[in-house]
């Protein structure tokens, strides 16, 4: 059986929430729900990226080397990745909005712990807790969007949600740098935790009165059935391996940005944050132009172009450019990343619609496992081979990954097809 027929047989369209659908197939209240989900993603993205520009300051404060403090990124990303599949399964069975609310409150509490950490060990523990407790926010927000929005319009809806996450990236790194330079790094953790509580209140209000959740028994057979439904789709392996590689070779670079700049004489945390924000600006360009990009290029060329831009961005970080030019490099990297990543997300959302929360969570798990491993891979590469050869290898791996995705994922019907 072909990949296309296998995918179609495992991808029936899920039932919609128990609301009266509007004329375009989207239930009433969808816009409000998606706005609240976007706020939740904004808060999550702040948790993800707020540490990157703080590495030198935290290292100085605790009397540690930056190579050790960089592991704060792994302390967040690895637990985040490992917890996502379980939270995705819980969301599918016990209710997505319930898990979303608990994740927001609990991650805020862990964030406040980091703000008052008396030593580096407690700070590491707080990052681990934030990683575990916030792991349900991103995949469940996307799964809710997948439940509400028909597949023909889903890539655009996902692009808008990604814009909220990218806004967190744009604001998160430079805002963290400004706050750290003004009141210290502890103020950054306190602010991010507070915003997570604001997102919780918004979910409480914005989701009120909508029947978004179904509830079923949570047990091992149910969970395993969900895994089988997702993984039997022949496209799953391409989607999940690709996002793992993206996590390693794209996001694995971010914790080293402040260190690279400091080695060139630019030690301000805010500048490191602004450079990293260039990545999210590239993502905003993708989000603003995604309908045009999909319509003009098609998914295959969009993925290939994304791979080329990622390769150019990663390899250019070894050139030692002045920081204003580094912003442009990260913009190119961000545009390339989201061009490939956005297409993959749509296919992930259709691997097994009845277990959409789990499918998206596995996607996030693989992605963040890559992020957790990435700083370690680059650290070893930089020490053994140098920055130039290491980033060149990363660029070639990313370009190859995009080519494989373009060759295999195009076997699935186009996102804009009327027959889903």
Protein backbone atom coordinates (compact mmCIF):
# COMPACT_ATOMS: atom_id res chain seq x y z
CA UNK A 1 0.00 0.00 0.00
CA UNK A 2 1.31 3.47 -0.86
CA UNK A 3 2.22 6.10 1.71
CA UNK A 4 -0.74 8.16 0.51
CA UNK A 5 -3.29 5.45 1.00
CA UNK A 6 -1.81 4.46 4.34
CA UNK A 7 -1.96 8.04 5.56
CA UNK A 8 -5.54 8.49 4.42
CA UNK A 9 -6.64 5.27 6.06
CA UNK A 10 -5.24 6.36 9.40
CA UNK A 11 -6.37 9.97 9.21
CA UNK A 12 -10.15 10.30 9.39
CA UNK A 13 -11.36 13.78 10.22
CA UNK A 14 -12.14 14.00 13.95
CA UNK A 15 -15.45 15.02 15.38
CA UNK A 16 -15.79 18.71 16.15
CA UNK A 17 -16.50 20.15 19.58
CA UNK A 18 -20.10 20.06 20.66
CA UNK A 19 -21.04 23.46 19.34
CA UNK A 20 -23.07 24.53 16.34
CA UNK A 21 -20.75 24.98 13.39
CA UNK A 22 -20.78 28.19 11.40
CA UNK A 23 -21.18 28.27 7.64
CA UNK A 24 -17.47 27.68 7.01
CA UNK A 25 -17.27 24.64 9.28
CA UNK A 26 -15.64 26.49 12.17
CA UNK A 27 -17.57 26.37 15.48
CA UNK A 28 -18.70 29.69 17.03
CA UNK A 29 -16.25 30.99 19.61
CA UNK A 30 -13.25 29.59 17.73
CA UNK A 31 -11.59 32.99 17.30
CA UNK A 32 -11.80 33.68 21.04
CA UNK A 33 -10.42 30.25 21.90
CA UNK A 34 -7.54 30.63 19.45
CA UNK A 35 -6.66 34.05 20.87
CA UNK A 36 -6.50 32.60 24.38
CA UNK A 37 -4.47 29.65 23.11
CA UNK A 38 -2.12 32.15 21.46
CA UNK A 39 -1.62 33.91 24.81
CA UNK A 40 -0.73 30.57 26.38
CA UNK A 41 1.83 29.92 23.64
CA UNK A 42 3.26 33.39 24.18
CA UNK A 43 3.82 32.59 27.86
CA UNK A 44 5.38 29.23 27.00
CA UNK A 45 7.82 30.73 24.52
CA UNK A 46 9.02 33.13 27.22
CA UNK A 47 9.86 30.15 29.43
CA UNK A 48 11.80 28.60 26.56
CA UNK A 49 14.05 31.45 25.53
CA UNK A 50 14.40 33.77 28.54
CA UNK A 51 17.56 32.08 29.82
CA UNK A 52 19.71 32.36 26.68
CA UNK A 53 20.89 35.99 27.13
CA UNK A 54 21.33 35.51 30.88
CA UNK A 55 24.03 32.83 30.72
CA UNK A 56 27.07 35.08 31.41
CA UNK A 57 25.29 36.97 34.22
CA UNK A 58 24.13 33.80 35.98
CA UNK A 59 27.62 32.32 35.62
CA UNK A 60 29.16 35.39 37.24
CA UNK A 61 26.58 35.46 40.02
CA UNK A 62 27.18 31.87 41.06
CA UNK A 63 30.91 31.83 40.28
CA UNK A 64 30.61 29.20 37.54
CA UNK A 65 31.89 28.89 33.98
CA UNK A 66 29.47 29.55 31.13
CA UNK A 67 29.87 26.00 29.79
CA UNK A 68 28.20 24.76 32.98
CA UNK A 69 25.43 27.36 33.03
CA UNK A 70 24.57 26.59 29.39
CA UNK A 71 23.19 23.29 30.74
CA UNK A 72 20.21 25.26 32.07
CA UNK A 73 18.86 24.96 28.53
CA UNK A 74 19.15 21.18 28.66
CA UNK A 75 17.66 21.14 32.18
CA UNK A 76 14.52 22.69 30.72
CA UNK A 77 14.36 21.07 27.29
CA UNK A 78 14.99 17.42 28.23
CA UNK A 79 12.22 17.12 30.86
CA UNK A 80 9.95 19.16 28.59
CA UNK A 81 10.51 16.66 25.81
CA UNK A 82 10.05 13.57 27.97
CA UNK A 83 6.86 14.83 29.63
CA UNK A 84 5.03 15.83 26.46
CA UNK A 85 3.78 12.40 25.31
CA UNK A 86 2.27 11.63 28.71
CA UNK A 87 0.59 15.03 28.96
CA UNK A 88 -0.65 14.68 25.40
CA UNK A 89 -2.27 11.34 26.26
CA UNK A 90 -3.78 12.79 29.43
CA UNK A 91 -5.17 15.70 27.41
CA UNK A 92 -6.75 13.34 24.87
CA UNK A 93 -8.49 11.33 27.58
CA UNK A 94 -9.14 13.65 30.54
CA UNK A 95 -9.54 16.90 28.63
CA UNK A 96 -7.19 19.28 26.86
CA UNK A 97 -8.34 22.43 28.66
CA UNK A 98 -7.95 20.79 32.08
CA UNK A 99 -4.34 19.89 31.35
CA UNK A 100 -3.69 23.33 29.87
CA UNK A 101 -4.91 25.08 33.04
CA UNK A 102 -2.91 22.87 35.40
CA UNK A 103 0.21 23.28 33.26
CA UNK A 104 0.00 27.08 33.36
CA UNK A 105 -0.46 27.31 37.14
CA UNK A 106 2.16 24.71 38.02
CA UNK A 107 4.79 26.09 35.65
CA UNK A 108 4.24 29.57 37.11
CA UNK A 109 4.93 28.22 40.59
CA UNK A 110 8.14 26.57 39.40
CA UNK A 111 9.15 29.81 37.71
CA UNK A 112 8.81 31.74 40.96
CA UNK A 113 11.06 29.12 42.59
CA UNK A 114 13.75 29.97 40.06
CA UNK A 115 13.41 33.66 40.86
CA UNK A 116 14.32 33.07 44.50
CA UNK A 117 16.86 30.25 43.96
CA UNK A 118 19.65 30.58 46.55
CA UNK A 119 22.15 28.59 44.50
CA UNK A 120 22.67 27.07 41.08
CA UNK A 121 21.40 23.65 42.14
CA UNK A 122 17.98 25.06 43.07
CA UNK A 123 17.91 27.05 39.84
CA UNK A 124 18.56 23.84 37.90
CA UNK A 125 15.75 22.10 39.80
CA UNK A 126 13.37 24.96 39.00
CA UNK A 127 14.21 24.72 35.30
CA UNK A 128 13.59 20.97 35.36
CA UNK A 129 10.22 21.54 37.04
CA UNK A 130 9.25 24.28 34.59
CA UNK A 131 10.16 21.94 31.74
CA UNK A 132 7.98 19.12 33.05
CA UNK A 133 5.05 21.26 34.14
CA UNK A 134 4.83 23.45 31.04
CA UNK A 135 5.20 20.56 28.60
CA UNK A 136 1.47 20.31 28.01
CA UNK A 137 0.90 23.91 26.95
CA UNK A 138 2.22 23.99 23.38
CA UNK A 139 1.01 20.62 22.05
CA UNK A 140 -2.41 20.93 23.65
CA UNK A 141 -2.92 24.46 22.31
CA UNK A 142 -2.12 23.21 18.81
CA UNK A 143 -4.32 20.14 19.29
CA UNK A 144 -7.25 22.37 20.31
CA UNK A 145 -6.71 24.38 17.13
CA UNK A 146 -6.61 21.14 15.16
CA UNK A 147 -9.92 20.07 16.68
CA UNK A 148 -11.59 23.37 15.78
CA UNK A 149 -10.14 24.28 12.37
CA UNK A 150 -10.68 22.16 9.21
CA UNK A 151 -7.52 20.73 7.67
CA UNK A 152 -7.85 22.97 4.59
CA UNK A 153 -7.34 26.05 6.78
CA UNK A 154 -5.14 24.54 9.45
CA UNK A 155 -1.72 25.64 8.20
CA UNK A 156 -2.83 29.28 8.31
CA UNK A 157 -4.32 28.82 11.80
CA UNK A 158 -1.14 27.13 13.00
CA UNK A 159 0.86 29.96 11.45
CA UNK A 160 -1.10 32.48 13.51
CA UNK A 161 -0.54 30.50 16.71
CA UNK A 162 3.15 30.22 15.90
CA UNK A 163 3.17 34.00 15.54
CA UNK A 164 2.19 34.26 19.20
CA UNK A 165 4.99 31.91 20.16
CA UNK A 166 7.38 33.90 18.00
CA UNK A 167 6.25 37.12 19.67
CA UNK A 168 7.35 35.54 22.93
CA UNK A 169 10.69 34.80 21.31
CA UNK A 170 10.99 38.32 19.91
CA UNK A 171 10.14 39.93 23.24
CA UNK A 172 11.55 37.24 25.49
CA UNK A 173 15.24 37.42 24.70
CA UNK A 174 15.67 41.22 24.50
CA UNK A 175 13.22 41.81 27.36
CA UNK A 176 15.15 39.32 29.47
CA UNK A 177 18.34 41.14 28.58
CA UNK A 178 16.91 44.56 29.51
CA UNK A 179 15.51 43.30 32.82
CA UNK A 180 18.72 41.46 33.64
CA UNK A 181 20.83 44.53 32.90
CA UNK A 182 18.48 46.64 35.07
CA UNK A 183 17.44 44.54 38.08
CA UNK A 184 19.23 41.24 37.57
CA UNK A 185 18.31 37.85 36.15
CA UNK A 186 15.93 36.99 39.02
CA UNK A 187 13.49 39.62 37.81
CA UNK A 188 13.27 37.81 34.48
CA UNK A 189 12.04 34.58 36.08
CA UNK A 190 9.53 36.46 38.24
CA UNK A 191 8.04 38.29 35.24
CA UNK A 192 7.72 35.14 33.12
CA UNK A 193 6.00 33.29 35.96
CA UNK A 194 3.56 36.16 36.40
CA UNK A 195 2.64 36.10 32.71
CA UNK A 196 1.89 32.37 32.96
CA UNK A 197 -0.64 33.18 35.69
CA UNK A 198 -2.18 35.84 33.44
CA UNK A 199 -2.55 33.21 30.71
CA UNK A 200 -4.27 30.87 33.18
CA UNK A 201 -6.85 33.55 34.02
CA UNK A 202 -7.43 34.13 30.31
CA UNK A 203 -8.06 30.41 29.75
CA UNK A 204 -10.50 30.33 32.67
CA UNK A 205 -12.49 33.19 31.14
CA UNK A 206 -12.04 32.58 27.43
CA UNK A 207 -12.89 28.87 27.38
CA UNK A 208 -15.96 29.25 29.59
CA UNK A 209 -19.16 27.84 28.12
CA UNK A 210 -17.51 25.92 25.27
CA UNK A 211 -17.68 22.12 25.10
CA UNK A 212 -14.11 21.63 23.95
CA UNK A 213 -13.32 18.49 25.95
CA UNK A 214 -14.43 14.92 25.84
CA UNK A 215 -13.57 12.69 28.76
CA UNK A 216 -12.73 8.99 28.73
CA UNK A 217 -10.92 6.53 30.91
CA UNK A 218 -7.16 7.02 31.21
CA UNK A 219 -5.49 3.63 31.30
CA UNK A 220 -2.56 1.82 29.73
CA UNK A 221 -4.52 0.10 26.91
CA UNK A 222 -6.05 3.43 25.88
CA UNK A 223 -2.65 5.13 25.86
CA UNK A 224 -1.02 2.30 23.90
CA UNK A 225 -3.84 2.35 21.35
CA UNK A 226 -3.11 6.03 20.80
CA UNK A 227 0.59 5.36 20.27
CA UNK A 228 -0.19 2.61 17.77
CA UNK A 229 -2.58 4.85 15.86
CA UNK A 230 0.06 7.57 15.54
CA UNK A 231 3.12 5.45 14.84
CA UNK A 232 1.52 3.14 12.30
CA UNK A 233 1.22 6.07 9.93
CA UNK A 234 4.21 5.73 7.55
CA UNK A 235 4.83 9.49 7.60
CA UNK A 236 5.36 9.60 11.37
CA UNK A 237 9.02 8.61 11.19
CA UNK A 238 9.85 11.39 8.74
CA UNK A 239 8.01 14.05 10.74
CA UNK A 240 9.48 13.11 14.11
CA UNK A 241 13.06 12.55 12.98
CA UNK A 242 13.03 15.84 11.08
CA UNK A 243 11.93 17.94 14.06
CA UNK A 244 14.49 16.18 16.28
CA UNK A 245 17.22 17.22 13.85
CA UNK A 246 15.87 20.78 13.78
CA UNK A 247 16.07 20.91 17.56
CA UNK A 248 19.68 19.71 17.61
CA UNK A 249 21.20 21.85 14.88
CA UNK A 250 19.07 25.02 15.01
CA UNK A 251 18.05 25.56 18.62
CA UNK A 252 21.21 23.94 19.93
CA UNK A 253 23.09 27.06 18.83
CA UNK A 254 21.08 29.56 20.85
CA UNK A 255 22.75 29.12 24.28
CA UNK A 256 26.12 29.95 22.69
CA UNK A 257 25.09 33.28 21.19
CA UNK A 258 25.88 35.34 24.29
CA UNK A 259 29.21 33.56 24.67
CA UNK A 260 30.15 34.18 21.00
CA UNK A 261 29.32 37.87 21.35
CA UNK A 262 31.22 38.19 24.63
CA UNK A 263 34.30 36.71 22.96
CA UNK A 264 34.09 39.56 20.42
CA UNK A 265 33.85 42.19 23.17
CA UNK A 266 30.06 42.58 23.30
CA UNK A 267 29.03 41.43 26.76
CA UNK A 268 25.64 43.12 27.14
CA UNK A 269 22.86 40.61 27.71
CA UNK A 270 20.39 42.81 25.85
CA UNK A 271 22.43 42.56 22.63
CA UNK A 272 22.48 38.78 22.85
CA UNK A 273 18.72 38.92 23.29
CA UNK A 274 18.26 41.17 20.27
CA UNK A 275 20.35 38.85 18.09
CA UNK A 276 18.33 35.82 19.16
CA UNK A 277 15.15 37.81 18.54
CA UNK A 278 16.17 38.00 14.89
CA UNK A 279 15.20 34.33 14.64
CA UNK A 280 11.67 35.11 15.74
CA UNK A 281 11.47 38.08 13.37
CA UNK A 282 12.17 35.63 10.57
CA UNK A 283 9.34 33.55 11.97
CA UNK A 284 7.04 36.57 11.88
CA UNK A 285 7.87 37.03 8.21
CA UNK A 286 6.84 33.42 7.64
CA UNK A 287 3.63 33.84 9.63
CA UNK A 288 2.65 37.01 7.76
CA UNK A 289 3.30 35.49 4.34
CA UNK A 290 2.33 31.84 4.85
CA UNK A 291 -0.83 31.98 2.68
CA UNK A 292 1.22 33.48 -0.17
CA UNK A 293 4.14 31.08 0.35
CA UNK A 294 1.95 27.98 0.32
CA UNK A 295 -0.04 29.21 -2.69
CA UNK A 296 2.95 30.31 -4.79
CA UNK A 297 5.61 27.77 -3.83
CA UNK A 298 3.67 24.73 -2.73
CA UNK A 299 4.78 22.61 0.18
CA UNK A 300 7.67 20.86 -1.55
CA UNK A 301 9.50 24.02 -2.60
CA UNK A 302 8.66 25.68 0.70
CA UNK A 303 10.40 22.85 2.56
CA UNK A 304 13.42 22.92 0.23
CA UNK A 305 13.73 26.69 0.58
CA UNK A 306 13.48 26.35 4.33
CA UNK A 307 16.34 23.87 4.36
CA UNK A 308 18.50 26.15 2.23
CA UNK A 309 17.85 29.16 4.46
CA UNK A 310 18.58 27.15 7.61
CA UNK A 311 21.85 25.92 6.12
CA UNK A 312 22.87 29.48 5.24
CA UNK A 313 21.93 30.78 8.68
CA UNK A 314 23.69 28.09 10.71
CA UNK A 315 26.89 28.18 8.65
CA UNK A 316 27.02 32.00 8.78
CA UNK A 317 27.18 32.04 12.59
CA UNK A 318 30.82 30.95 12.28
CA UNK A 319 31.81 34.07 10.31
CA UNK A 320 32.22 36.29 13.38
CA UNK A 321 30.06 39.09 11.98
CA UNK A 322 29.23 42.26 13.89
CA UNK A 323 26.06 41.88 15.93
CA UNK A 324 23.79 43.95 13.60
CA UNK A 325 24.63 41.51 10.80
CA UNK A 326 24.10 38.58 13.15
CA UNK A 327 20.49 39.76 13.54
CA UNK A 328 20.04 39.35 9.78
CA UNK A 329 21.64 35.90 9.94
CA UNK A 330 19.17 34.82 12.60
CA UNK A 331 16.27 36.29 10.62
CA UNK A 332 17.25 34.09 7.67
CA UNK A 333 17.60 31.13 10.02
CA UNK A 334 14.16 31.79 11.51
CA UNK A 335 12.43 32.13 8.14
CA UNK A 336 14.00 28.88 6.98
CA UNK A 337 13.17 27.01 10.16
CA UNK A 338 9.48 27.92 10.20
CA UNK A 339 9.11 27.29 6.47
CA UNK A 340 9.99 23.62 7.03
CA UNK A 341 8.65 23.26 10.56
CA UNK A 342 5.24 24.74 9.77
CA UNK A 343 4.58 22.23 6.99
CA UNK A 344 5.66 19.32 9.18
CA UNK A 345 3.27 20.44 11.93
CA UNK A 346 0.28 20.19 9.60
CA UNK A 347 1.14 16.62 8.67
CA UNK A 348 1.66 15.74 12.34
CA UNK A 349 -1.83 17.03 13.12
CA UNK A 350 -3.27 14.47 10.66
CA UNK A 351 -1.20 11.40 11.59
CA UNK A 352 -4.02 10.14 13.84
CA UNK A 353 -6.75 12.76 14.40
CA UNK A 354 -8.46 10.75 17.16
CA UNK A 355 -5.16 10.98 19.11
CA UNK A 356 -4.19 14.44 17.93
CA UNK A 357 -2.99 15.60 21.36
CA UNK A 358 -0.60 12.65 21.56
CA UNK A 359 0.58 13.09 17.97
CA UNK A 360 1.41 16.77 18.53
CA UNK A 361 2.98 15.96 21.90
CA UNK A 362 5.28 13.35 20.33
CA UNK A 363 6.23 15.99 17.78
CA UNK A 364 7.12 18.40 20.59
CA UNK A 365 8.90 15.65 22.51
CA UNK A 366 11.18 14.83 19.59
CA UNK A 367 11.80 18.51 18.95
CA UNK A 368 12.78 19.26 22.54
CA UNK A 369 14.87 16.12 22.86
CA UNK A 370 16.81 17.62 19.98
CA UNK A 371 17.02 20.95 21.80
CA UNK A 372 18.26 19.20 24.93
CA UNK A 373 20.95 17.33 23.01
CA UNK A 374 21.88 20.24 20.75
CA UNK A 375 24.01 22.30 23.17
CA UNK A 376 25.92 19.15 24.14
CA UNK A 377 26.53 18.21 20.49
CA UNK A 378 27.73 21.70 19.62
CA UNK A 379 29.84 21.98 22.77
CA UNK A 380 31.68 18.77 21.88
CA UNK A 381 31.98 19.86 18.26
CA UNK A 382 33.32 23.29 19.14
CA UNK A 383 35.91 21.81 21.51
CA UNK A 384 37.06 19.04 19.18
CA UNK A 385 36.73 20.54 15.69
CA UNK A 386 36.03 24.25 16.10
CA UNK A 387 33.05 26.47 15.41
CA UNK A 388 33.38 26.56 11.61
CA UNK A 389 33.46 22.81 10.91
CA UNK A 390 30.75 22.12 13.49
CA UNK A 391 28.29 24.63 12.06
CA UNK A 392 29.05 23.45 8.52
CA UNK A 393 28.12 19.89 9.49
CA UNK A 394 24.92 21.19 11.08
CA UNK A 395 24.07 23.12 7.91
CA UNK A 396 24.52 20.06 5.69
CA UNK A 397 22.41 17.87 7.97
CA UNK A 398 19.58 20.43 7.92
CA UNK A 399 19.67 20.77 4.14
CA UNK A 400 19.55 16.99 3.73
CA UNK A 401 16.65 16.74 6.18
CA UNK A 402 14.63 19.28 4.22
CA UNK A 403 15.28 17.41 0.97
CA UNK A 404 14.08 14.12 2.47
CA UNK A 405 10.93 15.76 3.86
CA UNK A 406 10.20 17.38 0.51
CA UNK A 407 10.53 14.02 -1.22
CA UNK A 408 8.44 11.99 1.20
CA UNK A 409 5.84 14.31 2.72
CA UNK A 410 4.65 15.41 -0.72
CA UNK A 411 3.02 11.95 -1.05
CA UNK A 412 0.25 13.22 1.26
CA UNK A 413 -2.57 15.33 -0.31
CA UNK A 414 -1.84 19.04 -0.30
CA UNK A 415 -2.98 21.01 2.70
CA UNK A 416 -5.19 23.11 0.45
CA UNK A 417 -6.92 20.16 -1.21
CA UNK A 418 -10.66 19.95 -0.78
CA UNK A 419 -10.48 16.22 -0.16
CA UNK A 420 -8.87 15.77 3.21
